[in-house]
Amino acid sequence: MEYSSRFIESYVHNNGIGVLVELGISDSVAVRSEAFGRLAKDLALQIAAMAPASVEELLEHPFVKDPGITVSQQITRTADELREKIGVLRFVRWVADSGDSLQPEPPRSPALIYRLGNAR
């Protein structure tokens, strides 16, 4: 699915876990809404807390703030409220002091850093 706008939210938990999550939305005006901002922050918090391995796994997790629904259902609720299409495009999660070699490293390429910085 194509989205006309993309949005990146960040979250750092106790200076030890960092998350960037990229969301797609059908209208850039909705990005300024309280509901979208709350969803973006909640998704970044969810990724920090649950450490999903993929977007698909994230969407299937119980939503941290309401375990009676999945993350996918919460996204659908917010999308319906805003009358927009919203999707999680990708995310990255870093853990400081982790000996786990499977953790992704921060982007090093200036082109990638530039692209991420100008995504809004």
N, C-alpha and C. Protein backbone atom coordinates (compact mmCIF):
# COMPACT_ATOMS: atom_id res chain seq x y z
N MET A 1 0.84 -1.18 0.00
CA MET A 1 0.00 0.00 0.00
C MET A 1 0.88 1.24 0.00
N GLU A 2 0.52 2.20 -0.78
CA GLU A 2 1.24 3.46 -0.84
C GLU A 2 0.60 4.48 0.10
N TYR A 3 1.45 5.22 0.75
CA TYR A 3 1.00 6.29 1.65
C TYR A 3 1.56 7.60 1.13
N SER A 4 0.76 8.65 1.16
CA SER A 4 1.24 9.93 0.64
C SER A 4 2.22 10.60 1.61
N SER A 5 2.15 10.24 2.89
CA SER A 5 3.05 10.84 3.88
C SER A 5 3.66 9.76 4.76
N ARG A 6 4.85 10.06 5.23
CA ARG A 6 5.54 9.17 6.15
C ARG A 6 5.94 9.97 7.37
N PHE A 7 6.01 9.29 8.50
CA PHE A 7 6.27 9.95 9.77
C PHE A 7 7.18 9.05 10.60
N ILE A 8 8.18 9.62 11.24
CA ILE A 8 9.08 8.85 12.10
C ILE A 8 8.91 9.32 13.53
N GLU A 9 8.67 8.36 14.41
CA GLU A 9 8.56 8.62 15.85
C GLU A 9 9.75 7.95 16.53
N SER A 10 10.24 8.58 17.59
CA SER A 10 11.36 8.01 18.34
C SER A 10 10.96 7.84 19.80
N TYR A 11 11.65 6.93 20.46
CA TYR A 11 11.43 6.70 21.89
C TYR A 11 12.72 6.15 22.48
N VAL A 12 13.09 6.66 23.64
CA VAL A 12 14.25 6.15 24.37
C VAL A 12 13.78 5.80 25.78
N HIS A 13 14.06 4.57 26.19
CA HIS A 13 13.64 4.09 27.51
C HIS A 13 14.85 3.97 28.42
N ASN A 14 14.87 4.76 29.48
CA ASN A 14 15.94 4.73 30.50
C ASN A 14 17.35 4.78 29.90
N ASN A 15 17.53 5.51 28.85
CA ASN A 15 18.82 5.67 28.18
C ASN A 15 19.45 4.35 27.78
N GLY A 16 18.65 3.29 27.69
CA GLY A 16 19.20 1.98 27.36
C GLY A 16 18.58 1.31 26.15
N ILE A 17 17.36 1.71 25.81
CA ILE A 17 16.67 1.14 24.64
C ILE A 17 16.20 2.30 23.79
N GLY A 18 16.52 2.26 22.50
CA GLY A 18 16.09 3.29 21.58
C GLY A 18 15.28 2.69 20.45
N VAL A 19 14.25 3.41 20.02
CA VAL A 19 13.38 2.93 18.95
C VAL A 19 13.12 4.06 17.95
N LEU A 20 13.15 3.71 16.68
CA LEU A 20 12.63 4.56 15.61
C LEU A 20 11.58 3.73 14.89
N VAL A 21 10.40 4.30 14.69
CA VAL A 21 9.35 3.60 13.95
C VAL A 21 8.84 4.54 12.85
N GLU A 22 8.74 4.01 11.64
CA GLU A 22 8.26 4.79 10.51
C GLU A 22 6.83 4.35 10.18
N LEU A 23 5.93 5.34 10.18
CA LEU A 23 4.53 5.09 9.87
C LEU A 23 4.17 5.75 8.55
N GLY A 24 3.27 5.13 7.83
CA GLY A 24 2.72 5.72 6.63
C GLY A 24 1.29 6.14 6.90
N ILE A 25 0.87 7.26 6.31
CA ILE A 25 -0.49 7.76 6.49
C ILE A 25 -0.95 8.38 5.19
N SER A 26 -2.26 8.28 4.93
CA SER A 26 -2.78 8.72 3.65
C SER A 26 -2.89 10.24 3.51
N ASP A 27 -2.88 10.98 4.62
CA ASP A 27 -2.99 12.44 4.54
C ASP A 27 -2.07 13.09 5.57
N SER A 28 -1.18 13.96 5.12
CA SER A 28 -0.20 14.57 6.01
C SER A 28 -0.84 15.46 7.08
N VAL A 29 -2.02 15.97 6.84
CA VAL A 29 -2.68 16.83 7.82
C VAL A 29 -3.00 16.04 9.09
N ALA A 30 -3.37 14.78 8.94
CA ALA A 30 -3.73 13.94 10.10
C ALA A 30 -2.55 13.68 11.02
N VAL A 31 -1.33 13.84 10.51
CA VAL A 31 -0.13 13.63 11.33
C VAL A 31 -0.13 14.58 12.52
N ARG A 32 -0.73 15.74 12.38
CA ARG A 32 -0.75 16.74 13.45
C ARG A 32 -1.82 16.48 14.50
N SER A 33 -2.65 15.49 14.28
CA SER A 33 -3.75 15.22 15.21
C SER A 33 -3.23 14.56 16.49
N GLU A 34 -3.96 14.78 17.56
CA GLU A 34 -3.60 14.18 18.85
C GLU A 34 -3.68 12.65 18.78
N ALA A 35 -4.68 12.14 18.09
CA ALA A 35 -4.86 10.68 18.01
C ALA A 35 -3.69 10.02 17.29
N PHE A 36 -3.22 10.62 16.20
CA PHE A 36 -2.08 10.04 15.47
C PHE A 36 -0.81 10.14 16.31
N GLY A 37 -0.59 11.27 16.94
CA GLY A 37 0.60 11.44 17.79
C GLY A 37 0.63 10.44 18.92
N ARG A 38 -0.52 10.21 19.53
CA ARG A 38 -0.62 9.24 20.62
C ARG A 38 -0.32 7.83 20.10
N LEU A 39 -0.88 7.49 18.94
CA LEU A 39 -0.63 6.17 18.35
C LEU A 39 0.85 5.98 18.04
N ALA A 40 1.49 6.97 17.45
CA ALA A 40 2.91 6.88 17.10
C ALA A 40 3.75 6.65 18.35
N LYS A 41 3.48 7.39 19.40
CA LYS A 41 4.23 7.23 20.66
C LYS A 41 3.97 5.86 21.28
N ASP A 42 2.72 5.42 21.26
CA ASP A 42 2.37 4.11 21.81
C ASP A 42 3.05 2.98 21.04
N LEU A 43 3.15 3.11 19.73
CA LEU A 43 3.81 2.07 18.93
C LEU A 43 5.31 2.01 19.23
N ALA A 44 5.94 3.17 19.38
CA ALA A 44 7.36 3.19 19.72
C ALA A 44 7.58 2.57 21.10
N LEU A 45 6.71 2.88 22.05
CA LEU A 45 6.79 2.28 23.38
C LEU A 45 6.58 0.77 23.30
N GLN A 46 5.63 0.33 22.50
CA GLN A 46 5.33 -1.09 22.32
C GLN A 46 6.57 -1.83 21.79
N ILE A 47 7.24 -1.25 20.82
CA ILE A 47 8.43 -1.87 20.24
C ILE A 47 9.54 -1.95 21.28
N ALA A 48 9.71 -0.90 22.06
CA ALA A 48 10.73 -0.92 23.11
C ALA A 48 10.44 -2.01 24.14
N ALA A 49 9.18 -2.15 24.52
CA ALA A 49 8.81 -3.09 25.57
C ALA A 49 8.79 -4.54 25.11
N MET A 50 8.30 -4.79 23.89
CA MET A 50 8.06 -6.16 23.45
C MET A 50 9.13 -6.73 22.52
N ALA A 51 9.98 -5.89 21.96
CA ALA A 51 11.07 -6.33 21.07
C ALA A 51 10.60 -7.28 19.97
N PRO A 52 9.62 -6.87 19.16
CA PRO A 52 9.19 -7.75 18.08
C PRO A 52 10.29 -7.90 17.04
N ALA A 53 10.30 -9.03 16.35
CA ALA A 53 11.32 -9.30 15.35
C ALA A 53 10.97 -8.71 13.98
N SER A 54 9.69 -8.42 13.76
CA SER A 54 9.26 -7.91 12.45
C SER A 54 8.00 -7.08 12.62
N VAL A 55 7.63 -6.37 11.56
CA VAL A 55 6.38 -5.59 11.58
C VAL A 55 5.20 -6.54 11.76
N GLU A 56 5.23 -7.67 11.07
CA GLU A 56 4.14 -8.63 11.17
C GLU A 56 3.96 -9.12 12.61
N GLU A 57 5.08 -9.42 13.27
CA GLU A 57 5.01 -9.88 14.67
C GLU A 57 4.47 -8.76 15.56
N LEU A 58 4.93 -7.53 15.34
CA LEU A 58 4.44 -6.39 16.11
C LEU A 58 2.93 -6.28 16.02
N LEU A 59 2.39 -6.40 14.81
CA LEU A 59 0.96 -6.23 14.59
C LEU A 59 0.13 -7.29 15.30
N GLU A 60 0.71 -8.46 15.53
CA GLU A 60 -0.01 -9.55 16.18
C GLU A 60 0.06 -9.49 17.71
N HIS A 61 0.99 -8.71 18.26
CA HIS A 61 1.14 -8.62 19.72
C HIS A 61 -0.09 -8.00 20.35
N PRO A 62 -0.40 -8.40 21.60
CA PRO A 62 -1.42 -7.65 22.36
C PRO A 62 -0.92 -6.22 22.57
N PHE A 63 -1.82 -5.27 22.45
CA PHE A 63 -1.47 -3.86 22.60
C PHE A 63 -1.14 -3.59 24.06
N VAL A 64 0.01 -2.98 24.33
CA VAL A 64 0.49 -2.76 25.70
C VAL A 64 -0.53 -2.02 26.56
N LYS A 65 -1.18 -1.02 26.02
CA LYS A 65 -2.10 -0.21 26.82
C LYS A 65 -3.51 -0.80 26.92
N ASP A 66 -3.80 -1.84 26.13
CA ASP A 66 -5.09 -2.53 26.18
C ASP A 66 -4.88 -3.95 25.69
N PRO A 67 -4.43 -4.87 26.55
CA PRO A 67 -4.10 -6.23 26.13
C PRO A 67 -5.27 -7.02 25.54
N GLY A 68 -6.48 -6.50 25.62
CA GLY A 68 -7.64 -7.16 25.04
C GLY A 68 -7.71 -7.05 23.53
N ILE A 69 -6.85 -6.20 22.94
CA ILE A 69 -6.81 -6.04 21.49
C ILE A 69 -5.37 -6.17 21.01
N THR A 70 -5.21 -6.37 19.71
CA THR A 70 -3.86 -6.44 19.14
C THR A 70 -3.41 -5.05 18.70
N VAL A 71 -2.14 -4.94 18.42
CA VAL A 71 -1.59 -3.69 17.89
C VAL A 71 -2.30 -3.34 16.58
N SER A 72 -2.51 -4.33 15.75
CA SER A 72 -3.20 -4.11 14.47
C SER A 72 -4.60 -3.52 14.68
N GLN A 73 -5.31 -4.03 15.66
CA GLN A 73 -6.65 -3.52 15.95
C GLN A 73 -6.60 -2.08 16.45
N GLN A 74 -5.58 -1.74 17.24
CA GLN A 74 -5.45 -0.36 17.71
C GLN A 74 -5.16 0.58 16.55
N ILE A 75 -4.30 0.15 15.64
CA ILE A 75 -4.02 0.97 14.46
C ILE A 75 -5.30 1.19 13.66
N THR A 76 -6.08 0.13 13.48
CA THR A 76 -7.35 0.24 12.75
C THR A 76 -8.31 1.20 13.45
N ARG A 77 -8.39 1.13 14.77
CA ARG A 77 -9.25 2.06 15.52
C ARG A 77 -8.86 3.51 15.27
N THR A 78 -7.56 3.78 15.35
CA THR A 78 -7.09 5.16 15.14
C THR A 78 -7.32 5.58 13.70
N ALA A 79 -7.06 4.68 12.76
CA ALA A 79 -7.28 4.99 11.34
C ALA A 79 -8.75 5.30 11.08
N ASP A 80 -9.64 4.51 11.68
CA ASP A 80 -11.08 4.76 11.52
C ASP A 80 -11.48 6.10 12.13
N GLU A 81 -10.92 6.40 13.30
CA GLU A 81 -11.22 7.67 13.97
C GLU A 81 -10.80 8.86 13.11
N LEU A 82 -9.65 8.74 12.47
CA LEU A 82 -9.13 9.84 11.64
C LEU A 82 -9.63 9.77 10.19
N ARG A 83 -10.26 8.66 9.84
CA ARG A 83 -10.70 8.41 8.45
C ARG A 83 -9.52 8.47 7.49
N GLU A 84 -8.45 7.81 7.91
CA GLU A 84 -7.21 7.75 7.13
C GLU A 84 -6.72 6.32 7.07
N LYS A 85 -5.77 6.05 6.20
CA LYS A 85 -5.08 4.77 6.17
C LYS A 85 -3.75 4.95 6.88
N ILE A 86 -3.47 4.07 7.84
CA ILE A 86 -2.24 4.15 8.63
C ILE A 86 -1.58 2.78 8.61
N GLY A 87 -0.27 2.76 8.44
CA GLY A 87 0.46 1.50 8.47
C GLY A 87 1.84 1.66 9.06
N VAL A 88 2.33 0.61 9.69
CA VAL A 88 3.71 0.58 10.18
C VAL A 88 4.57 0.11 9.01
N LEU A 89 5.51 0.95 8.58
CA LEU A 89 6.35 0.61 7.45
C LEU A 89 7.60 -0.15 7.86
N ARG A 90 8.24 0.31 8.93
CA ARG A 90 9.45 -0.36 9.43
C ARG A 90 9.81 0.24 10.78
N PHE A 91 10.70 -0.46 11.48
CA PHE A 91 11.20 0.05 12.75
C PHE A 91 12.58 -0.52 13.00
N VAL A 92 13.26 0.13 13.92
CA VAL A 92 14.55 -0.37 14.39
C VAL A 92 14.59 -0.16 15.90
N ARG A 93 15.20 -1.12 16.60
CA ARG A 93 15.28 -1.07 18.06
C ARG A 93 16.73 -1.36 18.45
N TRP A 94 17.32 -0.46 19.24
CA TRP A 94 18.70 -0.64 19.71
C TRP A 94 18.68 -0.83 21.21
N VAL A 95 19.59 -1.68 21.69
CA VAL A 95 19.75 -1.89 23.12
C VAL A 95 21.19 -1.57 23.47
N ALA A 96 21.40 -0.62 24.39
CA ALA A 96 22.76 -0.29 24.84
C ALA A 96 23.29 -1.42 25.70
N ASP A 97 24.59 -1.60 25.68
CA ASP A 97 25.26 -2.62 26.50
C ASP A 97 24.77 -4.03 26.21
N SER A 98 24.30 -4.25 25.01
CA SER A 98 23.85 -5.59 24.66
C SER A 98 24.98 -6.35 24.00
N GLY A 99 25.23 -7.54 24.47
CA GLY A 99 26.23 -8.39 23.84
C GLY A 99 25.66 -9.14 22.65
N ASP A 100 24.38 -8.90 22.38
CA ASP A 100 23.70 -9.59 21.29
C ASP A 100 24.15 -9.04 19.94
N SER A 101 24.85 -9.84 19.17
CA SER A 101 25.35 -9.38 17.88
C SER A 101 24.24 -9.26 16.84
N LEU A 102 23.03 -9.71 17.17
CA LEU A 102 21.93 -9.61 16.22
C LEU A 102 21.25 -8.25 16.25
N GLN A 103 21.61 -7.40 17.21
CA GLN A 103 21.03 -6.07 17.28
C GLN A 103 21.47 -5.26 16.06
N PRO A 104 20.54 -4.58 15.37
CA PRO A 104 20.96 -3.75 14.24
C PRO A 104 21.79 -2.57 14.72
N GLU A 105 22.74 -2.18 13.90
CA GLU A 105 23.57 -1.03 14.24
C GLU A 105 22.92 0.24 13.71
N PRO A 106 23.22 1.38 14.32
CA PRO A 106 22.68 2.65 13.81
C PRO A 106 23.17 2.89 12.39
N PRO A 107 22.39 3.63 11.60
CA PRO A 107 22.82 3.89 10.23
C PRO A 107 24.14 4.65 10.20
N ARG A 108 25.04 4.25 9.32
CA ARG A 108 26.33 4.91 9.20
C ARG A 108 26.46 5.69 7.90
N SER A 109 25.69 5.32 6.92
CA SER A 109 25.77 5.98 5.63
C SER A 109 25.19 7.39 5.71
N PRO A 110 25.94 8.41 5.29
CA PRO A 110 25.40 9.78 5.30
C PRO A 110 24.13 9.91 4.46
N ALA A 111 24.04 9.16 3.36
CA ALA A 111 22.85 9.24 2.53
C ALA A 111 21.63 8.72 3.29
N LEU A 112 21.80 7.63 4.03
CA LEU A 112 20.70 7.09 4.81
C LEU A 112 20.32 8.02 5.94
N ILE A 113 21.29 8.58 6.62
CA ILE A 113 21.02 9.53 7.70
C ILE A 113 20.30 10.75 7.15
N TYR A 114 20.72 11.25 5.99
CA TYR A 114 20.08 12.39 5.36
C TYR A 114 18.63 12.04 5.01
N ARG A 115 18.41 10.85 4.44
CA ARG A 115 17.07 10.42 4.05
C ARG A 115 16.18 10.32 5.27
N LEU A 116 16.68 9.77 6.37
CA LEU A 116 15.88 9.66 7.58
C LEU A 116 15.58 11.04 8.15
N GLY A 117 16.55 11.94 8.11
CA GLY A 117 16.37 13.28 8.64
C GLY A 117 15.38 14.11 7.85
N ASN A 118 15.23 13.81 6.57
CA ASN A 118 14.33 14.58 5.72
C ASN A 118 13.05 13.84 5.40
N ALA A 119 12.74 12.81 6.15
CA ALA A 119 11.54 12.00 5.89
C ALA A 119 10.25 12.75 6.19
N ARG A 120 10.31 13.72 7.04
CA ARG A 120 9.07 14.46 7.39
C ARG A 120 8.74 15.41 6.33
